[in-house]
N, C-alpha and C. Protein backbone atom coordinates (compact mmCIF):
# COMPACT_ATOMS: atom_id res chain seq x y z
N MET A 1 56.00 9.55 60.40
CA MET A 1 55.55 8.57 62.01
C MET A 1 53.92 9.19 61.90
N SER A 2 53.10 8.22 62.27
CA SER A 2 51.30 8.28 62.12
C SER A 2 51.32 8.41 63.94
N PRO A 3 50.39 9.38 64.50
CA PRO A 3 50.44 9.98 65.61
C PRO A 3 50.26 8.31 66.26
N VAL A 4 49.54 7.31 65.79
CA VAL A 4 49.31 6.45 66.60
C VAL A 4 50.47 5.56 67.08
N SER A 5 51.60 5.88 66.26
CA SER A 5 53.22 5.20 66.70
C SER A 5 53.77 6.34 67.34
N ARG A 6 53.55 7.50 67.15
CA ARG A 6 54.00 7.91 68.35
C ARG A 6 53.75 8.23 69.89
N LEU A 7 51.96 7.94 69.69
CA LEU A 7 51.81 7.37 71.21
C LEU A 7 52.15 6.47 71.86
N ARG A 8 53.10 5.54 71.16
CA ARG A 8 53.49 4.63 71.84
C ARG A 8 54.94 4.53 72.49
N TRP A 9 55.36 5.84 72.56
CA TRP A 9 56.41 6.53 73.60
C TRP A 9 55.71 6.79 74.51
N LEU A 10 54.41 7.12 74.93
CA LEU A 10 53.50 7.49 76.24
C LEU A 10 54.03 5.95 77.24
N TRP A 11 53.77 5.09 76.38
CA TRP A 11 54.40 3.64 77.44
C TRP A 11 55.26 4.08 78.34
N LEU A 12 57.15 4.56 77.79
CA LEU A 12 57.95 5.15 78.38
C LEU A 12 57.91 6.07 79.25
N THR A 13 56.76 7.17 78.90
CA THR A 13 56.26 8.04 79.68
C THR A 13 55.89 7.81 81.08
N LEU A 14 55.17 6.76 80.93
CA LEU A 14 53.75 6.01 82.36
C LEU A 14 55.08 4.99 82.85
N ALA A 15 56.18 4.33 82.08
CA ALA A 15 56.96 3.34 83.12
C ALA A 15 57.75 4.50 83.62
N VAL A 16 58.43 5.63 83.56
CA VAL A 16 58.91 6.70 84.37
C VAL A 16 58.27 7.02 85.19
N VAL A 17 57.05 7.35 85.10
CA VAL A 17 55.95 7.81 85.86
C VAL A 17 55.85 6.54 87.20
N LEU A 18 55.53 4.95 86.70
CA LEU A 18 55.52 4.17 87.61
C LEU A 18 56.84 3.56 88.50
N LEU A 19 58.05 3.76 87.86
CA LEU A 19 59.09 3.45 89.02
C LEU A 19 59.48 4.36 89.73
N ASP A 20 59.19 5.83 89.17
CA ASP A 20 59.56 7.18 89.98
C ASP A 20 59.02 7.22 90.97
N ARG A 21 57.17 6.74 91.00
CA ARG A 21 56.31 6.98 92.69
C ARG A 21 56.94 6.02 93.03
N ALA A 22 57.21 4.61 92.58
CA ALA A 22 57.29 3.27 93.76
C ALA A 22 58.59 3.33 94.32
N THR A 23 59.73 4.08 93.56
CA THR A 23 60.55 4.39 94.64
C THR A 23 61.03 5.49 95.49
N LYS A 24 59.74 6.28 95.20
CA LYS A 24 59.47 7.04 96.56
C LYS A 24 58.88 7.07 97.53
N ALA A 25 57.61 6.14 96.92
CA ALA A 25 56.80 5.35 97.98
C ALA A 25 57.82 4.56 99.06
N TRP A 26 58.52 4.00 98.69
CA TRP A 26 59.26 2.97 99.40
C TRP A 26 60.05 3.48 100.29
N PHE A 27 60.72 4.71 99.96
CA PHE A 27 61.53 5.27 100.41
C PHE A 27 60.77 6.51 101.82
N GLU A 28 59.87 7.03 101.28
CA GLU A 28 59.36 7.50 102.39
C GLU A 28 57.77 6.35 103.36
N ALA A 29 58.48 5.30 102.90
CA ALA A 29 57.58 4.20 104.17
C ALA A 29 58.50 3.22 104.72
N HIS A 30 59.79 3.88 103.94
CA HIS A 30 60.34 2.76 104.78
C HIS A 30 62.18 3.27 105.91
N THR A 31 61.90 4.53 105.75
CA THR A 31 62.77 5.64 106.06
C THR A 31 61.97 7.07 106.58
N VAL A 32 62.93 7.90 107.36
CA VAL A 32 62.47 9.28 107.78
C VAL A 32 63.69 10.14 107.45
N GLU A 33 62.76 11.29 106.99
CA GLU A 33 63.66 12.08 106.33
C GLU A 33 65.01 12.12 106.89
N GLY A 34 66.12 12.62 106.18
CA GLY A 34 67.84 12.65 107.16
C GLY A 34 68.31 11.41 106.62
N TRP A 35 67.76 10.16 106.62
CA TRP A 35 68.30 8.65 106.65
C TRP A 35 68.89 8.82 105.82
N ARG A 36 70.07 8.11 105.96
CA ARG A 36 71.32 8.37 105.29
C ARG A 36 72.05 6.80 104.99
N GLN A 37 72.17 6.25 103.84
CA GLN A 37 73.29 4.86 103.99
C GLN A 37 74.50 4.86 102.58
N GLU A 38 75.81 4.92 102.77
CA GLU A 38 76.33 4.68 101.88
C GLU A 38 76.36 3.08 101.32
N VAL A 39 76.07 3.42 99.77
CA VAL A 39 76.14 2.00 98.90
C VAL A 39 77.79 1.83 98.09
N ILE A 40 78.16 2.59 97.99
CA ILE A 40 79.80 3.29 97.37
C ILE A 40 80.47 4.03 98.14
N HIS A 41 81.45 3.20 99.04
CA HIS A 41 82.25 4.31 99.65
C HIS A 41 82.65 5.51 99.17
N ASN A 42 82.11 6.47 100.34
CA ASN A 42 82.65 8.63 99.30
C ASN A 42 82.43 8.37 97.96
N PHE A 43 81.19 7.51 97.47
CA PHE A 43 80.72 7.92 96.21
C PHE A 43 79.23 8.02 96.08
N ILE A 44 78.52 7.02 96.49
CA ILE A 44 77.27 6.38 96.31
C ILE A 44 75.92 6.78 97.61
N TYR A 45 75.14 7.49 97.75
CA TYR A 45 74.91 6.95 98.99
C TYR A 45 73.49 7.24 98.52
N LEU A 46 72.15 6.31 99.13
CA LEU A 46 71.08 6.35 99.75
C LEU A 46 70.74 7.27 100.51
N VAL A 47 70.09 8.70 100.60
CA VAL A 47 69.49 9.41 101.76
C VAL A 47 68.06 9.72 101.09
N HIS A 48 67.06 9.69 102.23
CA HIS A 48 66.33 10.44 102.35
C HIS A 48 65.68 12.17 102.63
N SER A 49 65.35 12.43 101.54
CA SER A 49 65.28 14.12 101.43
C SER A 49 63.88 14.84 100.78
N ARG A 50 63.63 16.01 101.40
CA ARG A 50 62.58 16.70 100.35
C ARG A 50 63.10 17.91 100.20
N ASN A 51 62.16 18.09 98.53
CA ASN A 51 62.81 19.44 98.40
C ASN A 51 61.66 20.40 97.79
N PRO A 52 61.27 21.32 98.63
CA PRO A 52 60.44 21.84 97.93
C PRO A 52 60.41 22.71 96.77
N GLY A 53 61.85 22.83 96.55
CA GLY A 53 61.98 23.77 95.70
C GLY A 53 62.31 23.51 93.97
N ILE A 54 62.90 23.83 93.05
CA ILE A 54 63.23 23.11 92.10
C ILE A 54 64.55 22.70 91.63
N ALA A 55 64.99 22.21 90.92
CA ALA A 55 66.59 21.22 90.81
C ALA A 55 67.25 21.52 91.27
N PHE A 56 68.35 21.47 92.28
CA PHE A 56 69.54 21.51 92.93
C PHE A 56 68.95 22.26 93.93
N GLY A 57 68.19 22.38 94.45
CA GLY A 57 67.45 23.03 95.93
C GLY A 57 67.47 24.54 95.50
N VAL A 58 67.01 24.88 94.25
CA VAL A 58 67.12 26.05 94.33
C VAL A 58 65.09 26.61 95.13
N LEU A 59 65.29 27.83 95.30
CA LEU A 59 63.92 27.95 95.98
C LEU A 59 63.58 27.09 97.06
N ALA A 60 64.02 26.11 97.33
CA ALA A 60 64.26 25.55 98.71
C ALA A 60 63.59 25.77 100.23
N ASP A 61 64.26 26.92 100.11
CA ASP A 61 63.77 28.01 101.32
C ASP A 61 62.71 28.97 101.61
N SER A 62 62.20 29.26 100.14
CA SER A 62 61.00 30.09 99.64
C SER A 62 59.84 28.79 99.58
N ALA A 63 59.48 27.99 100.29
CA ALA A 63 58.33 26.88 100.62
C ALA A 63 57.33 27.50 100.63
N SER A 64 56.38 28.41 100.42
CA SER A 64 55.13 29.25 100.67
C SER A 64 54.21 28.83 99.72
N LEU A 65 52.63 28.83 100.12
CA LEU A 65 52.26 28.04 99.34
C LEU A 65 51.87 28.66 97.61
N LEU A 66 52.24 30.44 97.59
CA LEU A 66 52.47 30.79 96.99
C LEU A 66 53.45 30.35 95.95
N THR A 67 54.62 29.86 96.06
CA THR A 67 56.17 29.48 95.11
C THR A 67 55.49 27.78 94.64
N ARG A 68 54.65 27.00 95.95
CA ARG A 68 54.00 26.05 95.63
C ARG A 68 53.54 26.03 94.19
N VAL A 69 52.56 26.48 94.43
CA VAL A 69 51.30 27.02 93.07
C VAL A 69 51.84 27.29 91.60
N ILE A 70 52.77 27.90 92.36
CA ILE A 70 53.85 28.79 90.77
C ILE A 70 54.57 27.65 90.25
N LEU A 71 55.11 26.81 90.79
CA LEU A 71 55.81 25.66 90.68
C LEU A 71 55.01 25.01 89.99
N ILE A 72 53.65 24.05 90.82
CA ILE A 72 53.05 23.37 89.86
C ILE A 72 52.51 24.17 88.88
N ALA A 73 51.85 25.04 88.34
CA ALA A 73 51.47 25.70 87.57
C ALA A 73 52.30 25.80 86.25
N GLY A 74 53.62 26.14 86.60
CA GLY A 74 54.53 26.35 86.00
C GLY A 74 54.59 24.29 85.06
N SER A 75 54.69 23.51 85.86
CA SER A 75 55.31 22.37 85.66
C SER A 75 54.09 21.54 84.68
N LEU A 76 52.72 22.44 85.24
CA LEU A 76 51.76 21.53 84.15
C LEU A 76 51.73 22.47 82.73
N VAL A 77 52.27 23.44 82.65
CA VAL A 77 52.51 23.72 81.40
C VAL A 77 53.66 23.29 80.52
N VAL A 78 55.25 22.89 81.54
CA VAL A 78 55.38 22.18 80.51
C VAL A 78 55.35 20.73 80.45
N ILE A 79 54.63 20.45 80.93
CA ILE A 79 53.72 18.93 80.60
C ILE A 79 53.34 18.79 79.34
N GLY A 80 51.96 19.85 79.63
CA GLY A 80 51.49 20.45 78.04
C GLY A 80 51.87 20.33 76.69
N VAL A 81 53.04 21.00 77.13
CA VAL A 81 54.05 21.72 75.63
C VAL A 81 54.77 20.05 75.59
N LEU A 82 55.66 19.89 76.39
CA LEU A 82 56.09 17.98 75.95
C LEU A 82 55.16 17.05 75.44
N ALA A 83 53.59 17.04 76.09
CA ALA A 83 52.79 15.96 75.53
C ALA A 83 52.61 16.61 74.01
N TRP A 84 51.92 18.23 73.45
CA TRP A 84 52.04 18.19 72.25
C TRP A 84 53.04 18.06 71.27
N LEU A 85 54.22 18.40 71.56
CA LEU A 85 55.41 18.08 71.04
C LEU A 85 55.55 16.45 70.59
N LEU A 86 55.51 15.66 71.75
CA LEU A 86 54.98 14.32 71.31
C LEU A 86 53.77 13.76 70.46
N VAL A 87 52.86 14.42 70.74
CA VAL A 87 52.13 13.55 70.09
C VAL A 87 51.47 14.24 68.64
N THR A 88 52.26 15.73 68.26
CA THR A 88 52.22 15.84 67.02
C THR A 88 53.49 15.56 66.04
N GLY A 89 53.78 15.14 67.08
CA GLY A 89 55.11 14.65 65.94
C GLY A 89 56.04 15.72 65.72
N LYS A 90 56.51 16.56 66.46
CA LYS A 90 57.51 17.37 66.64
C LYS A 90 58.82 17.03 66.12
N THR A 91 59.07 16.21 66.34
CA THR A 91 60.40 15.36 66.37
C THR A 91 59.90 13.66 65.91
N SER A 92 60.74 13.69 64.62
CA SER A 92 60.53 12.23 63.69
C SER A 92 61.71 11.05 64.34
N SER A 93 62.32 11.79 64.83
CA SER A 93 63.30 10.45 64.90
C SER A 93 63.12 9.40 66.56
N PRO A 94 63.47 8.06 66.84
CA PRO A 94 63.38 7.80 67.95
C PRO A 94 63.90 7.85 69.28
N ARG A 95 64.99 9.13 69.03
CA ARG A 95 65.76 9.75 69.92
C ARG A 95 65.39 10.56 70.72
N GLY A 96 64.70 11.43 69.30
CA GLY A 96 63.78 12.41 69.92
C GLY A 96 62.59 12.66 70.67
N ASN A 97 62.37 11.06 70.25
CA ASN A 97 60.39 10.88 71.29
C ASN A 97 61.21 10.41 72.15
N ALA A 98 62.22 9.56 72.25
CA ALA A 98 62.48 8.82 73.93
C ALA A 98 62.85 10.20 74.62
N GLY A 99 63.28 11.41 74.38
CA GLY A 99 63.97 12.30 74.90
C GLY A 99 62.85 12.64 75.17
N LEU A 100 61.67 13.38 74.58
CA LEU A 100 60.06 13.97 74.73
C LEU A 100 59.67 12.94 75.51
N ALA A 101 59.37 11.81 75.68
CA ALA A 101 58.62 10.79 76.64
C ALA A 101 59.43 10.88 78.20
N LEU A 102 60.60 10.74 77.89
CA LEU A 102 61.47 10.75 79.24
C LEU A 102 61.28 12.01 79.97
N LEU A 103 61.63 13.15 79.08
CA LEU A 103 61.17 14.08 80.15
C LEU A 103 59.72 14.13 80.59
N LEU A 104 58.95 13.86 79.36
CA LEU A 104 57.55 14.25 80.23
C LEU A 104 57.05 12.80 81.43
N GLY A 105 57.63 12.11 81.23
CA GLY A 105 57.79 11.28 82.58
C GLY A 105 58.45 11.69 84.14
N GLY A 106 59.76 12.34 83.64
CA GLY A 106 59.83 13.10 84.67
C GLY A 106 59.34 14.43 85.13
N ALA A 107 58.95 15.08 84.40
CA ALA A 107 58.07 16.13 84.93
C ALA A 107 56.69 15.81 85.47
N ALA A 108 56.25 14.71 85.54
CA ALA A 108 54.66 14.42 85.40
C ALA A 108 54.97 13.56 87.15
N GLY A 109 56.30 12.83 86.61
CA GLY A 109 56.89 12.63 88.48
C GLY A 109 56.92 13.03 89.61
N ASN A 110 57.84 14.45 89.27
CA ASN A 110 57.81 15.23 90.38
C ASN A 110 56.89 16.32 90.39
N VAL A 111 55.87 16.79 89.88
CA VAL A 111 55.10 17.52 89.56
C VAL A 111 53.85 16.70 90.52
N SER A 112 53.78 15.03 90.55
CA SER A 112 52.59 14.44 91.28
C SER A 112 53.14 14.61 92.64
N ASP A 113 54.34 14.78 92.93
CA ASP A 113 54.85 14.57 94.42
C ASP A 113 54.71 16.35 95.10
N ARG A 114 55.05 17.39 94.34
CA ARG A 114 54.79 18.24 94.80
C ARG A 114 53.47 18.61 94.78
N ILE A 115 52.39 18.23 94.43
CA ILE A 115 50.93 18.14 94.33
C ILE A 115 50.40 17.78 95.41
N PHE A 116 50.79 16.21 95.82
CA PHE A 116 50.03 15.59 96.53
C PHE A 116 51.03 15.46 97.88
N HIS A 117 52.70 16.11 97.84
CA HIS A 117 53.43 15.81 99.39
C HIS A 117 53.59 17.50 99.46
N GLY A 118 53.92 18.19 98.82
CA GLY A 118 54.33 19.50 99.16
C GLY A 118 55.75 20.00 98.65
N ALA A 119 56.22 18.34 97.94
CA ALA A 119 57.61 18.55 98.12
C ALA A 119 58.13 17.54 97.27
N VAL A 120 59.42 17.22 96.14
CA VAL A 120 59.75 16.65 95.98
C VAL A 120 60.74 15.63 96.97
N THR A 121 60.21 14.10 96.67
CA THR A 121 61.33 13.58 97.36
C THR A 121 62.56 12.46 96.79
N ASP A 122 64.00 12.89 97.09
CA ASP A 122 64.87 12.81 96.72
C ASP A 122 65.46 11.31 97.49
N PHE A 123 66.26 10.69 96.51
CA PHE A 123 67.12 9.39 97.55
C PHE A 123 68.53 9.19 96.85
N PHE A 124 68.52 9.79 95.79
CA PHE A 124 70.41 9.37 95.83
C PHE A 124 71.12 10.82 95.65
N GLU A 125 71.87 10.31 96.36
CA GLU A 125 73.33 11.49 96.13
C GLU A 125 74.73 10.69 95.85
N VAL A 126 75.70 11.58 95.19
CA VAL A 126 76.79 11.52 94.68
C VAL A 126 78.06 11.99 95.02
N TRP A 127 78.60 11.99 95.57
CA TRP A 127 80.01 12.79 96.14
C TRP A 127 81.18 12.52 94.75
N PHE A 128 81.84 13.38 94.53
CA PHE A 128 82.90 13.73 93.79
C PHE A 128 83.97 14.14 94.46
N GLY A 129 84.97 13.30 95.03
CA GLY A 129 85.83 13.92 96.13
C GLY A 129 84.91 14.57 97.30
N SER A 130 85.05 15.85 97.04
CA SER A 130 84.71 16.73 97.85
C SER A 130 83.17 17.31 97.94
N TYR A 131 82.76 17.26 96.14
CA TYR A 131 82.14 17.86 95.27
C TYR A 131 80.99 16.90 95.70
N HIS A 132 79.59 17.82 96.41
CA HIS A 132 78.53 17.07 96.58
C HIS A 132 77.57 17.24 95.44
N TYR A 133 76.61 16.49 94.87
CA TYR A 133 76.02 16.38 93.48
C TYR A 133 74.71 16.42 94.48
N PRO A 134 73.44 17.58 94.39
CA PRO A 134 72.29 17.30 95.13
C PRO A 134 71.20 16.77 95.29
N ALA A 135 70.83 15.75 95.81
CA ALA A 135 70.25 14.79 95.87
C ALA A 135 69.23 14.61 94.77
N PHE A 136 69.00 13.75 94.00
CA PHE A 136 68.11 13.10 93.27
C PHE A 136 67.00 12.03 93.01
N ASN A 137 66.29 11.98 92.37
CA ASN A 137 65.31 11.03 92.38
C ASN A 137 65.06 10.42 90.65
N VAL A 138 64.42 9.27 90.56
CA VAL A 138 64.15 8.84 88.95
C VAL A 138 63.73 9.67 88.43
N ALA A 139 63.02 10.31 88.86
CA ALA A 139 62.17 11.48 87.72
C ALA A 139 63.42 12.50 87.35
N ASP A 140 63.86 13.06 88.32
CA ASP A 140 65.20 14.15 88.06
C ASP A 140 66.31 13.08 86.72
N SER A 141 66.40 11.71 87.18
CA SER A 141 67.50 10.96 86.11
C SER A 141 66.41 10.85 84.51
N ALA A 142 65.51 10.73 84.96
CA ALA A 142 64.87 10.70 83.73
C ALA A 142 64.95 12.28 82.50
N ILE A 143 64.61 12.86 83.46
CA ILE A 143 64.69 14.43 82.90
C ILE A 143 66.25 14.60 82.10
N THR A 144 66.97 14.69 83.00
CA THR A 144 68.45 14.52 82.41
C THR A 144 68.93 13.57 81.21
N ILE A 145 68.39 12.59 80.88
CA ILE A 145 68.91 11.47 79.96
C ILE A 145 67.80 12.17 78.93
N GLY A 146 66.60 12.35 79.23
CA GLY A 146 65.73 12.96 78.12
C GLY A 146 66.35 14.20 77.34
N ALA A 147 66.73 15.38 78.46
CA ALA A 147 67.12 16.15 78.03
C ALA A 147 68.62 16.27 76.78
N ALA A 148 69.45 14.97 77.32
CA ALA A 148 70.68 14.95 76.58
C ALA A 148 69.91 14.15 75.14
N LEU A 149 69.16 13.41 75.14
CA LEU A 149 68.53 12.63 74.09
C LEU A 149 68.20 13.61 72.86
N ILE A 150 67.53 15.02 73.68
CA ILE A 150 67.06 15.76 73.05
C ILE A 150 68.19 16.43 72.14
N LEU A 151 68.99 16.86 73.06
CA LEU A 151 70.17 17.39 72.83
C LEU A 151 70.92 16.77 71.36
N LEU A 152 71.64 15.35 71.60
CA LEU A 152 71.84 14.91 70.71
C LEU A 152 71.00 14.80 69.46
N ASP A 153 70.22 14.78 69.42
CA ASP A 153 68.70 14.58 68.35
C ASP A 153 68.90 16.15 67.31
N VAL A 154 69.29 17.39 67.95
CA VAL A 154 68.99 18.48 67.42
C VAL A 154 70.56 18.38 67.23
N LEU A 155 71.74 17.91 67.85
CA LEU A 155 73.12 18.08 67.20
C LEU A 155 73.61 17.37 66.15
N PHE A 156 72.86 15.85 65.97
CA PHE A 156 72.98 15.29 65.10
C PHE A 156 72.06 14.79 64.03
N ALA A 157 70.87 15.40 64.30
CA ALA A 157 69.69 14.89 62.90
C ALA A 157 70.43 14.95 62.14
N ARG A 158 70.09 14.00 60.76
CA ARG A 158 70.15 14.35 59.37
C ARG A 158 69.61 15.29 58.92
N LYS A 159 70.35 16.09 58.30
CA LYS A 159 69.24 17.38 57.57
C LYS A 159 68.53 16.22 56.29
N ASN A 160 67.50 17.16 56.05
CA ASN A 160 66.51 16.87 55.01
C ASN A 160 66.86 17.27 53.33
N GLU A 161 67.59 16.83 52.69
CA GLU A 161 67.97 17.15 51.11
C GLU A 161 66.43 17.30 50.48
N PRO A 162 66.30 18.55 49.84
CA PRO A 162 65.06 19.13 48.98
C PRO A 162 65.57 18.20 47.62
């Protein structure tokens, strides 16, 4: 696969970043932090929450400037590695490339929030009975789907025969 054909996957990355930013901007403009609206009874809720930590609220209580700088720096390193993997063609399948593009878009969406707002805005919340899944956003969804695609690519990739 040529470098130019691999770059077309960046459109998926851009779409994730734009959709993520648009949805977060809507929630930030039209609701206040703590707002909550039930969508499907006892299952899906729209909420407005901010997470200064990482996934699942880890480090959320440690919202210091040092933590923020470390999280931003770490995210930028991850974005650089993902971009390098995508552009250099370390995966040759469409499933693997889509996974990398989704991971890249999700990471870029969340790091932009962290840079400009100091925390990531989340707005989806899911309950399974009494289990409350932590709030998430479009970028988080893209990261999850991207990771699943890469895992599937690794597990079910066709082996090259000599």
